[in-house]
Amino acid sequence: MDPETPQLPDLPEGVIALVPMRNVVLFPHALVPIAVGRPKSIAAVQHVKNTGGLLGILLQRDERVDEPGREDLWDVGTTAKVVQHVGGDEQLRHALCQGVGRFRVVALVEGFPFMAARVQFIEEPAEFSTQAEALGLQLRKRAAEILSLLPGAPAELAHSLQSVRSPSHLADVVASLLDVEIVDKQQLLETANLEERLQKVLEMLSHRIEVLRLSQEIGERTKEQIDDSQRKYMLREQLKTIQKELGQEEGSSEDAAQLGELISKAGMPAEVEAQARKELSRLQRMPDASSEYSMLRTYLEWMTELPWAPPPASPIDLNEARHILEADHYGLERIKQRIVEYLAVQKLNPEGRAPILCFVGPPGVGKTSLGQSIAHALGRPFVRVSLGGVHDEAEIRGHRRTYIGAMPGMIVQSLRKAGARHCVMMLDEIDKLSPSAHGDPSAAMLEVLDPE
């Protein structure tokens, strides 16, 4: 006994010193370090150290309460032996406690410099049911499983769990190791029925195993993605070094970035932009000295230069259209009236598919100038496509990209030249189309004018 500690009367039978804990639940058979700082708690630990008795470890309902009363404490706690007492300053003491058994608080007892309570000790059954033994075997198996998922778990812990034969002892040891909420641990401590307690611990342990497995799977997938990204980065750096040694230009990445910005600003439909992004990704993986690089870059430049954006809404003024037609052409009354009727239909049904006007007549009578007047009346750009002497259908459809010097067809070239998708396009000298060994351009033109 410490000579400086005053002699205290022995505690009556069934009365033990209590240490209320803010966030620690001690289970029987578990070894837990505790830190006490309240004067009454320090006095309780000192009393148990001097007398060699049991210390009652009890959880507070609210950790913010500094002077807990009976209503602030849970009903069930654990008696403990102070295995080791580590000295500290006057405001904080440390002790290593080993749980012995459960107790239930009957009433607090006054008259001591520490918190004391009359308790009822809860005895564990000497014999266990078949169901409890079966649950214990399953719990031991699941405990070994979770230890295999924890790389830092000591081998001694797995050996000690396998050596525990009592289902009650095993449930308490596993419960003390579970990473769950403090209230859940307290509820396990208060569960008196052994089978029910084993079932709860088994459910919590199984849930924790699933969480660990999912965490490991996520970690492995993340590691694979990081490793793959690092591998691709190293390969790209090696490719840059090789290209530099071969004297190739280093502007390919800048070209790709510029093309990517142009694709974003072009206003393409979603499916067209997805295809352009796919081709841009291919371009970034190609050496800029290859012939396919130049071909693919030209293709993407054409894609970004086409007028994809929808045209602005422009109302049709029929009076203005008549005035422009009269000012540009003398006579031709039936033709001008037909053009005004065409524009009137367009004004009434702008979403409808308009018919194609066909102007027939000898050279010099004003067919092309009528098209220019229509464009002027509508406020749209005018573009003329001369089809005279076209014998190859590739001039209409466009050449395959694999050909050297491949270019889009005359229709696409005219759209880029006009700079607007709602332009007025004059297909001049369409009667001069003639078939040849390279195909029939009139059939290709029919597909352009009536794809359905």
Protein backbone atom coordinates (compact mmCIF):
# COMPACT_ATOMS: atom_id res chain seq x y z
CA MET A 1 0.00 0.00 0.00
CA ASP A 2 1.22 3.51 -0.83
CA PRO A 3 2.21 5.15 2.52
CA GLU A 4 1.04 8.54 1.26
CA THR A 5 -2.47 7.24 0.47
CA PRO A 6 -4.91 7.59 3.42
CA GLN A 7 -6.50 4.40 4.73
CA LEU A 8 -10.01 3.94 3.31
CA PRO A 9 -12.69 1.64 4.70
CA ASP A 10 -13.16 -1.60 2.82
CA LEU A 11 -15.99 -1.69 0.34
CA PRO A 12 -19.06 -3.68 1.44
CA GLU A 13 -19.77 -6.97 -0.27
CA GLY A 14 -21.33 -6.45 -3.70
CA VAL A 15 -19.99 -2.88 -3.97
CA ILE A 16 -17.19 -2.02 -6.41
CA ALA A 17 -15.37 1.13 -7.48
CA LEU A 18 -16.58 2.49 -10.83
CA VAL A 19 -14.76 4.29 -13.61
CA PRO A 20 -17.19 5.79 -16.16
CA MET A 21 -15.67 5.77 -19.65
CA ARG A 22 -16.54 8.18 -22.43
CA ASN A 23 -15.78 5.95 -25.43
CA VAL A 24 -14.46 2.59 -24.23
CA VAL A 25 -16.41 -0.66 -23.82
CA LEU A 26 -14.47 -3.41 -22.04
CA PHE A 27 -15.49 -7.03 -22.65
CA PRO A 28 -14.67 -9.97 -20.38
CA HIS A 29 -11.30 -11.62 -21.21
CA ALA A 30 -10.23 -8.57 -23.26
CA LEU A 31 -7.11 -6.54 -22.44
CA VAL A 32 -7.63 -2.80 -22.91
CA PRO A 33 -5.54 0.25 -21.89
CA ILE A 34 -7.54 3.08 -20.35
CA ALA A 35 -6.72 6.69 -19.52
CA VAL A 36 -8.45 8.39 -16.59
CA GLY A 37 -8.32 12.08 -15.80
CA ARG A 38 -11.24 12.88 -13.50
CA PRO A 39 -10.29 12.99 -9.80
CA LYS A 40 -12.86 10.37 -8.81
CA SER A 41 -11.67 8.00 -11.55
CA ILE A 42 -8.03 8.46 -10.53
CA ALA A 43 -9.02 7.72 -6.92
CA ALA A 44 -10.88 4.57 -8.00
CA VAL A 45 -7.88 3.23 -9.93
CA GLN A 46 -5.59 4.05 -6.98
CA HIS A 47 -7.95 2.27 -4.57
CA VAL A 48 -8.01 -0.89 -6.69
CA LYS A 49 -4.25 -0.76 -7.03
CA ASN A 50 -3.83 -0.61 -3.26
CA THR A 51 -6.47 -3.20 -2.33
CA GLY A 52 -6.13 -5.59 -5.25
CA GLY A 53 -9.89 -5.62 -5.83
CA LEU A 54 -11.94 -5.40 -9.01
CA LEU A 55 -12.62 -2.20 -10.92
CA GLY A 56 -15.94 -1.57 -12.64
CA ILE A 57 -15.65 -0.20 -16.20
CA LEU A 58 -18.93 1.35 -17.35
CA LEU A 59 -19.81 3.35 -20.47
CA GLN A 60 -21.43 6.78 -20.30
CA ARG A 61 -24.52 7.42 -22.39
CA ASP A 62 -23.26 10.91 -23.28
CA GLU A 63 -19.50 11.43 -23.46
CA ARG A 64 -19.88 15.19 -22.98
CA VAL A 65 -21.04 14.82 -19.34
CA ASP A 66 -18.15 15.46 -16.92
CA GLU A 67 -19.91 14.42 -13.68
CA PRO A 68 -22.17 11.52 -14.69
CA GLY A 69 -25.00 10.37 -12.46
CA ARG A 70 -26.95 7.14 -12.51
CA GLU A 71 -29.12 8.24 -15.42
CA ASP A 72 -25.98 9.03 -17.45
CA LEU A 73 -24.61 5.48 -17.23
CA TRP A 74 -25.52 2.27 -19.01
CA ASP A 75 -26.83 -0.59 -16.91
CA VAL A 76 -24.25 -3.27 -17.73
CA GLY A 77 -20.49 -2.97 -17.38
CA THR A 78 -17.43 -5.19 -16.93
CA THR A 79 -15.36 -5.90 -13.85
CA ALA A 80 -11.65 -5.71 -14.52
CA LYS A 81 -8.30 -6.40 -12.96
CA VAL A 82 -5.70 -3.64 -13.14
CA VAL A 83 -2.87 -5.62 -14.70
CA GLN A 84 -0.49 -2.70 -14.94
CA HIS A 85 -0.66 0.81 -13.55
CA VAL A 86 1.38 3.39 -15.41
CA GLY A 87 1.99 6.57 -13.48
CA GLY A 88 1.38 9.97 -14.98
CA ASP A 89 0.84 13.51 -13.85
CA GLU A 90 -1.84 14.58 -11.42
CA GLN A 91 -4.39 15.11 -14.20
CA LEU A 92 -4.02 11.87 -16.18
CA ARG A 93 -3.31 8.27 -15.22
CA HIS A 94 -2.96 5.20 -17.44
CA ALA A 95 -3.82 1.62 -16.58
CA LEU A 96 -3.94 -1.70 -18.41
CA CYS A 97 -7.16 -3.54 -17.53
CA GLN A 98 -8.28 -7.10 -18.25
CA GLY A 99 -11.99 -7.85 -18.28
CA VAL A 100 -13.27 -10.47 -15.83
CA GLY A 101 -17.05 -10.62 -16.02
CA ARG A 102 -20.28 -8.71 -16.52
CA PHE A 103 -22.20 -6.86 -13.84
CA ARG A 104 -25.43 -4.91 -13.65
CA VAL A 105 -25.66 -1.69 -11.64
CA VAL A 106 -28.25 -1.84 -8.85
CA ALA A 107 -27.61 1.55 -7.22
CA LEU A 108 -24.82 4.06 -6.67
CA VAL A 109 -23.25 4.15 -3.19
CA GLU A 110 -22.15 7.43 -1.61
CA GLY A 111 -19.49 8.07 1.03
CA PHE A 112 -16.33 7.33 -0.95
CA PRO A 113 -13.88 9.65 -2.72
CA PHE A 114 -14.61 7.76 -5.91
CA MET A 115 -17.75 6.56 -7.65
CA ALA A 116 -18.98 3.26 -6.21
CA ALA A 117 -22.03 1.13 -6.92
CA ARG A 118 -23.83 -1.89 -5.60
CA VAL A 119 -23.85 -4.37 -8.47
CA GLN A 120 -25.24 -7.74 -9.43
CA PHE A 121 -22.69 -10.03 -11.05
CA ILE A 122 -23.88 -11.81 -14.21
CA GLU A 123 -22.62 -15.39 -14.31
CA GLU A 124 -21.88 -17.15 -17.58
CA PRO A 125 -23.39 -20.63 -18.04
CA ALA A 126 -21.08 -23.55 -17.26
CA GLU A 127 -22.49 -25.66 -20.09
CA PHE A 128 -23.41 -24.54 -23.59
CA SER A 129 -26.17 -25.63 -25.91
CA THR A 130 -25.56 -27.34 -29.21
CA GLN A 131 -26.67 -24.20 -31.06
CA ALA A 132 -24.18 -22.08 -29.12
CA GLU A 133 -21.35 -24.48 -29.99
CA ALA A 134 -22.36 -24.46 -33.67
CA LEU A 135 -22.45 -20.66 -33.72
CA GLY A 136 -19.06 -20.61 -31.98
CA LEU A 137 -17.54 -22.82 -34.69
CA GLN A 138 -18.95 -20.56 -37.39
CA LEU A 139 -17.67 -17.48 -35.56
CA ARG A 140 -14.18 -18.97 -35.26
CA LYS A 141 -14.18 -19.68 -39.00
CA ARG A 142 -15.30 -16.15 -39.90
CA ALA A 143 -12.76 -14.65 -37.50
CA ALA A 144 -9.95 -16.54 -39.26
CA GLU A 145 -11.36 -15.28 -42.57
CA ILE A 146 -11.27 -11.62 -41.56
CA LEU A 147 -7.74 -11.99 -40.19
CA SER A 148 -6.64 -13.27 -43.61
CA LEU A 149 -8.02 -10.06 -45.15
CA LEU A 150 -6.00 -7.88 -42.77
CA PRO A 151 -2.33 -7.90 -43.85
CA GLY A 152 -1.16 -6.31 -40.61
CA ALA A 153 -2.89 -8.78 -38.27
CA PRO A 154 -0.37 -10.60 -36.02
CA ALA A 155 -0.16 -14.39 -36.30
CA GLU A 156 -0.42 -14.71 -32.51
CA LEU A 157 -3.94 -13.27 -32.64
CA ALA A 158 -5.14 -15.95 -35.06
CA HIS A 159 -3.53 -18.66 -32.91
CA SER A 160 -5.14 -17.32 -29.72
CA LEU A 161 -8.59 -17.20 -31.33
CA GLN A 162 -8.28 -20.79 -32.49
CA SER A 163 -7.31 -21.88 -28.98
CA VAL A 164 -10.44 -20.39 -27.38
CA ARG A 165 -12.97 -23.21 -26.77
CA SER A 166 -15.70 -21.43 -24.85
CA PRO A 167 -18.31 -19.87 -27.19
CA SER A 168 -18.95 -17.11 -24.62
CA HIS A 169 -15.24 -16.33 -24.32
CA LEU A 170 -14.87 -16.34 -28.12
CA ALA A 171 -17.86 -14.00 -28.62
CA ASP A 172 -16.45 -11.48 -26.14
CA VAL A 173 -12.94 -11.53 -27.61
CA VAL A 174 -14.20 -11.09 -31.19
CA ALA A 175 -16.64 -8.36 -30.10
CA SER A 176 -13.79 -6.42 -28.49
CA LEU A 177 -11.88 -6.51 -31.80
CA LEU A 178 -14.78 -5.40 -34.00
CA ASP A 179 -14.55 -1.97 -35.62
CA VAL A 180 -18.16 -0.90 -34.99
CA GLU A 181 -19.97 1.96 -33.28
CA ILE A 182 -19.49 2.22 -29.52
CA VAL A 183 -23.25 1.88 -28.93
CA ASP A 184 -23.28 -1.39 -30.90
CA LYS A 185 -20.51 -2.74 -28.67
CA GLN A 186 -22.46 -1.75 -25.55
CA GLN A 187 -25.54 -3.55 -26.86
CA LEU A 188 -23.44 -6.68 -27.36
CA LEU A 189 -22.20 -6.36 -23.79
CA GLU A 190 -25.77 -6.08 -22.49
CA THR A 191 -27.02 -9.11 -24.47
CA ALA A 192 -27.32 -11.75 -21.76
CA ASN A 193 -28.54 -14.61 -23.98
CA LEU A 194 -25.44 -16.36 -25.34
CA GLU A 195 -27.02 -17.63 -28.60
CA GLU A 196 -28.39 -14.17 -29.38
CA ARG A 197 -25.02 -12.57 -28.60
CA LEU A 198 -23.16 -15.05 -30.83
CA GLN A 199 -25.62 -14.39 -33.66
CA LYS A 200 -25.17 -10.59 -33.39
CA VAL A 201 -21.37 -10.85 -33.33
CA LEU A 202 -21.48 -13.18 -36.34
CA GLU A 203 -23.67 -10.76 -38.31
CA MET A 204 -21.42 -7.80 -37.50
CA LEU A 205 -18.32 -9.80 -38.40
CA SER A 206 -19.84 -10.97 -41.70
CA HIS A 207 -20.76 -7.40 -42.61
CA ARG A 208 -17.22 -6.27 -41.83
CA ILE A 209 -15.78 -9.06 -44.01
CA GLU A 210 -17.91 -7.94 -46.96
CA VAL A 211 -16.78 -4.34 -46.47
CA LEU A 212 -13.12 -5.41 -46.38
CA ARG A 213 -13.51 -7.55 -49.50
CA LEU A 214 -15.17 -4.72 -51.39
CA SER A 215 -12.47 -2.33 -50.21
CA GLN A 216 -9.76 -4.70 -51.42
CA GLU A 217 -11.45 -5.10 -54.81
CA ILE A 218 -11.70 -1.34 -55.20
CA GLY A 219 -8.07 -0.97 -54.15
CA GLU A 220 -6.93 -3.62 -56.64
CA ARG A 221 -8.91 -2.04 -59.48
CA THR A 222 -7.52 1.38 -58.61
CA LYS A 223 -3.98 -0.03 -58.51
CA GLU A 224 -4.48 -1.68 -61.90
CA GLN A 225 -5.73 1.58 -63.38
CA ILE A 226 -2.79 3.49 -61.90
CA ASP A 227 -0.32 0.87 -63.15
CA ASP A 228 -1.90 0.96 -66.61
CA SER A 229 -1.77 4.77 -66.67
CA GLN A 230 1.87 4.74 -65.59
CA ARG A 231 2.71 2.14 -68.24
CA LYS A 232 1.02 4.19 -70.96
CA TYR A 233 2.77 7.32 -69.74
CA MET A 234 6.17 5.61 -69.89
CA LEU A 235 5.44 4.25 -73.37
CA ARG A 236 4.40 7.70 -74.58
CA GLU A 237 7.58 9.22 -73.16
CA GLN A 238 9.66 6.51 -74.84
CA LEU A 239 7.82 7.14 -78.12
CA LYS A 240 8.57 10.86 -77.85
CA THR A 241 12.23 10.09 -77.26
CA ILE A 242 12.36 7.75 -80.27
CA GLN A 243 10.62 10.30 -82.48
CA LYS A 244 13.06 12.97 -81.33
CA GLU A 245 16.02 10.73 -82.16
CA LEU A 246 14.54 10.07 -85.60
CA GLY A 247 14.25 13.81 -86.21
CA GLN A 248 10.47 13.84 -86.37
CA GLU A 249 8.61 17.03 -85.54
CA GLU A 250 7.20 17.46 -82.08
CA GLY A 251 4.14 19.41 -83.14
CA SER A 252 1.77 16.43 -83.28
CA SER A 253 0.54 16.94 -79.73
CA GLU A 254 -0.10 20.64 -80.42
CA ASP A 255 -1.98 19.73 -83.62
CA ALA A 256 -4.12 17.22 -81.73
CA ALA A 257 -4.92 19.75 -79.02
CA GLN A 258 -5.86 22.36 -81.62
CA LEU A 259 -8.06 19.89 -83.49
CA GLY A 260 -9.74 18.85 -80.24
CA GLU A 261 -10.59 22.49 -79.53
CA LEU A 262 -11.98 22.96 -83.05
CA ILE A 263 -14.14 19.83 -82.69
CA SER A 264 -15.59 21.23 -79.47
CA LYS A 265 -16.44 24.54 -81.15
CA ALA A 266 -17.81 23.07 -84.41
CA GLY A 267 -21.28 22.30 -83.00
CA MET A 268 -21.38 18.77 -84.42
CA PRO A 269 -24.23 16.36 -83.61
CA ALA A 270 -23.41 13.94 -80.79
CA GLU A 271 -22.78 10.90 -83.00
CA VAL A 272 -20.62 12.89 -85.42
CA GLU A 273 -18.56 14.39 -82.58
CA ALA A 274 -18.07 10.92 -81.06
CA GLN A 275 -16.67 9.66 -84.38
CA ALA A 276 -14.43 12.71 -84.69
CA ARG A 277 -13.09 12.16 -81.15
CA LYS A 278 -12.39 8.53 -82.01
CA GLU A 279 -10.39 9.54 -85.09
CA LEU A 280 -8.56 12.20 -83.05
CA SER A 281 -7.56 9.53 -80.55
CA ARG A 282 -6.12 7.48 -83.41
CA LEU A 283 -4.26 10.54 -84.65
CA GLN A 284 -2.59 11.09 -81.28
CA ARG A 285 -1.18 7.56 -81.33
CA MET A 286 0.34 7.91 -84.82
CA PRO A 287 3.81 9.18 -85.65
CA ASP A 288 3.44 12.45 -87.56
CA ALA A 289 5.75 11.23 -90.32
CA SER A 290 3.38 8.50 -91.50
CA SER A 291 1.20 9.00 -94.57
CA GLU A 292 -1.91 7.99 -92.66
CA TYR A 293 -1.26 10.81 -90.17
CA SER A 294 -1.50 13.41 -92.93
CA MET A 295 -4.63 11.77 -94.38
CA LEU A 296 -6.37 11.58 -91.01
CA ARG A 297 -5.43 15.14 -90.12
CA THR A 298 -6.89 16.40 -93.42
CA TYR A 299 -10.08 14.45 -92.74
CA LEU A 300 -10.47 16.00 -89.28
CA GLU A 301 -9.76 19.48 -90.62
CA TRP A 302 -12.57 19.02 -93.14
CA MET A 303 -14.87 17.83 -90.36
CA THR A 304 -14.22 20.96 -88.30
CA GLU A 305 -14.61 23.35 -91.25
CA LEU A 306 -18.08 22.16 -92.30
CA PRO A 307 -21.08 24.29 -91.21
CA TRP A 308 -22.59 22.00 -88.54
CA ALA A 309 -24.30 24.71 -86.49
CA PRO A 310 -28.07 25.10 -87.10
CA PRO A 311 -28.95 28.19 -89.16
CA PRO A 312 -30.44 31.25 -87.46
CA ALA A 313 -34.17 31.83 -87.86
CA SER A 314 -34.79 34.29 -90.71
CA PRO A 315 -38.41 35.16 -91.64
CA ILE A 316 -39.32 35.26 -95.33
CA ASP A 317 -40.66 38.58 -96.63
CA LEU A 318 -42.68 37.83 -99.79
CA ASN A 319 -43.02 41.51 -100.77
CA GLU A 320 -39.26 41.96 -100.53
CA ALA A 321 -38.78 38.78 -102.57
CA ARG A 322 -41.08 40.11 -105.35
CA HIS A 323 -39.24 43.42 -105.35
CA ILE A 324 -35.84 41.71 -105.69
CA LEU A 325 -37.05 39.43 -108.51
CA GLU A 326 -38.56 42.39 -110.40
CA ALA A 327 -35.41 44.45 -109.94
CA ASP A 328 -33.07 41.68 -111.13
CA HIS A 329 -35.11 40.30 -114.07
CA TYR A 330 -37.40 41.78 -116.68
CA GLY A 331 -40.27 39.59 -117.81
CA LEU A 332 -40.32 35.91 -116.84
CA GLU A 333 -43.57 36.51 -114.99
CA ARG A 334 -44.61 32.84 -114.73
CA ILE A 335 -41.18 31.85 -113.39
CA LYS A 336 -41.13 34.66 -110.83
CA GLN A 337 -44.68 33.79 -109.73
CA ARG A 338 -43.65 30.14 -109.26
CA ILE A 339 -40.66 31.23 -107.15
CA VAL A 340 -42.90 33.40 -104.94
CA GLU A 341 -45.30 30.46 -104.51
CA TYR A 342 -42.35 28.29 -103.51
CA LEU A 343 -41.26 30.87 -100.93
CA ALA A 344 -44.83 31.15 -99.61
CA VAL A 345 -44.96 27.40 -98.96
CA GLN A 346 -41.61 27.64 -97.19
CA LYS A 347 -42.95 30.44 -95.00
CA LEU A 348 -46.11 28.52 -94.06
CA ASN A 349 -44.29 25.23 -93.37
CA PRO A 350 -40.63 25.91 -92.57
CA GLU A 351 -40.12 22.38 -91.19
CA GLY A 352 -41.42 20.67 -94.31
CA ARG A 353 -39.19 19.26 -97.01
CA ALA A 354 -39.38 21.65 -99.94
CA PRO A 355 -39.34 20.47 -103.54
CA ILE A 356 -36.32 21.19 -105.72
CA LEU A 357 -36.81 23.85 -108.38
CA CYS A 358 -35.60 22.86 -111.84
CA PHE A 359 -34.85 25.67 -114.31
CA VAL A 360 -34.78 24.60 -117.96
CA GLY A 361 -33.73 26.81 -120.83
CA PRO A 362 -30.98 27.66 -123.31
CA PRO A 363 -27.77 29.31 -122.15
CA GLY A 364 -27.97 32.98 -121.21
CA VAL A 365 -31.66 33.26 -120.32
CA GLY A 366 -30.97 33.88 -116.59
CA LYS A 367 -31.22 30.48 -114.86
CA THR A 368 -28.17 31.05 -112.62
CA SER A 369 -29.09 34.67 -111.88
CA LEU A 370 -32.53 33.54 -110.73
CA GLY A 371 -30.83 31.35 -108.13
CA GLN A 372 -28.78 34.32 -106.99
CA SER A 373 -31.96 36.40 -106.65
CA ILE A 374 -33.61 33.68 -104.54
CA ALA A 375 -30.58 33.63 -102.23
CA HIS A 376 -30.69 37.44 -102.02
CA ALA A 377 -34.40 37.38 -101.16
CA LEU A 378 -33.86 34.78 -98.43
CA GLY A 379 -30.75 36.44 -97.06
CA ARG A 380 -28.71 33.27 -97.51
CA PRO A 381 -25.33 32.59 -99.14
CA PHE A 382 -25.35 31.38 -102.75
CA VAL A 383 -23.07 28.69 -104.14
CA ARG A 384 -22.91 27.29 -107.67
CA VAL A 385 -21.88 23.71 -108.46
CA SER A 386 -20.94 23.17 -112.10
CA LEU A 387 -21.65 19.58 -113.14
CA GLY A 388 -20.77 19.93 -116.80
CA GLY A 389 -18.31 17.27 -117.94
CA VAL A 390 -18.41 15.26 -114.68
CA HIS A 391 -17.94 11.56 -115.55
CA ASP A 392 -16.75 10.06 -112.23
CA GLU A 393 -19.25 9.42 -109.43
CA ALA A 394 -16.43 10.01 -106.91
CA GLU A 395 -16.67 13.70 -107.85
CA ILE A 396 -20.14 13.62 -106.30
CA ARG A 397 -19.70 11.13 -103.41
CA GLY A 398 -16.09 11.93 -102.60
CA HIS A 399 -13.04 9.68 -102.75
CA ARG A 400 -12.16 7.01 -100.24
CA ARG A 401 -9.82 8.25 -97.52
CA THR A 402 -7.30 5.53 -98.32
CA TYR A 403 -6.55 7.09 -101.72
CA ILE A 404 -3.67 9.54 -101.98
CA GLY A 405 -5.02 13.04 -102.40
CA ALA A 406 -8.56 11.97 -101.48
CA MET A 407 -11.03 14.87 -101.33
CA PRO A 408 -14.72 15.18 -100.41
CA GLY A 409 -17.30 15.41 -103.15
CA MET A 410 -18.42 18.60 -104.88
CA ILE A 411 -21.49 18.95 -102.63
CA VAL A 412 -19.45 18.88 -99.41
CA GLN A 413 -16.85 21.24 -100.90
CA SER A 414 -19.61 23.68 -101.83
CA LEU A 415 -21.07 23.54 -98.31
CA ARG A 416 -17.70 24.45 -96.85
CA LYS A 417 -17.31 27.24 -99.39
CA ALA A 418 -20.77 28.64 -98.54
CA GLY A 419 -20.08 28.46 -94.79
CA ALA A 420 -23.74 27.77 -93.97
CA ARG A 421 -25.84 24.62 -94.08
CA HIS A 422 -28.95 26.57 -95.23
CA CYS A 423 -27.30 28.03 -98.34
CA VAL A 424 -28.97 28.21 -101.76
CA MET A 425 -27.12 25.69 -103.94
CA MET A 426 -27.41 25.85 -107.72
CA LEU A 427 -26.58 22.54 -109.47
CA ASP A 428 -25.68 23.98 -112.87
CA GLU A 429 -25.62 21.96 -116.12
CA ILE A 430 -26.98 18.84 -114.44
CA ASP A 431 -28.03 17.54 -117.85
CA LYS A 432 -24.35 17.33 -118.84
CA LEU A 433 -23.72 14.40 -116.44
CA SER A 434 -22.71 11.28 -118.35
CA PRO A 435 -21.74 7.74 -117.26
CA SER A 436 -18.27 6.33 -117.82
CA ALA A 437 -16.07 3.42 -116.77
CA HIS A 438 -15.76 5.02 -113.32
CA GLY A 439 -19.50 4.82 -112.66
CA ASP A 440 -22.67 6.79 -113.26
CA PRO A 441 -22.55 10.25 -111.63
CA SER A 442 -26.27 10.80 -112.31
CA ALA A 443 -27.12 7.86 -110.00
CA ALA A 444 -24.90 9.34 -107.28
CA MET A 445 -26.60 12.72 -107.75
CA LEU A 446 -30.02 11.08 -107.42
CA GLU A 447 -28.94 9.64 -104.07
CA VAL A 448 -27.80 13.11 -102.96
CA LEU A 449 -31.09 14.77 -103.93
CA ASP A 450 -33.38 11.97 -102.68
CA PRO A 451 -31.57 9.75 -100.13
CA GLU A 452 -34.82 8.13 -98.99
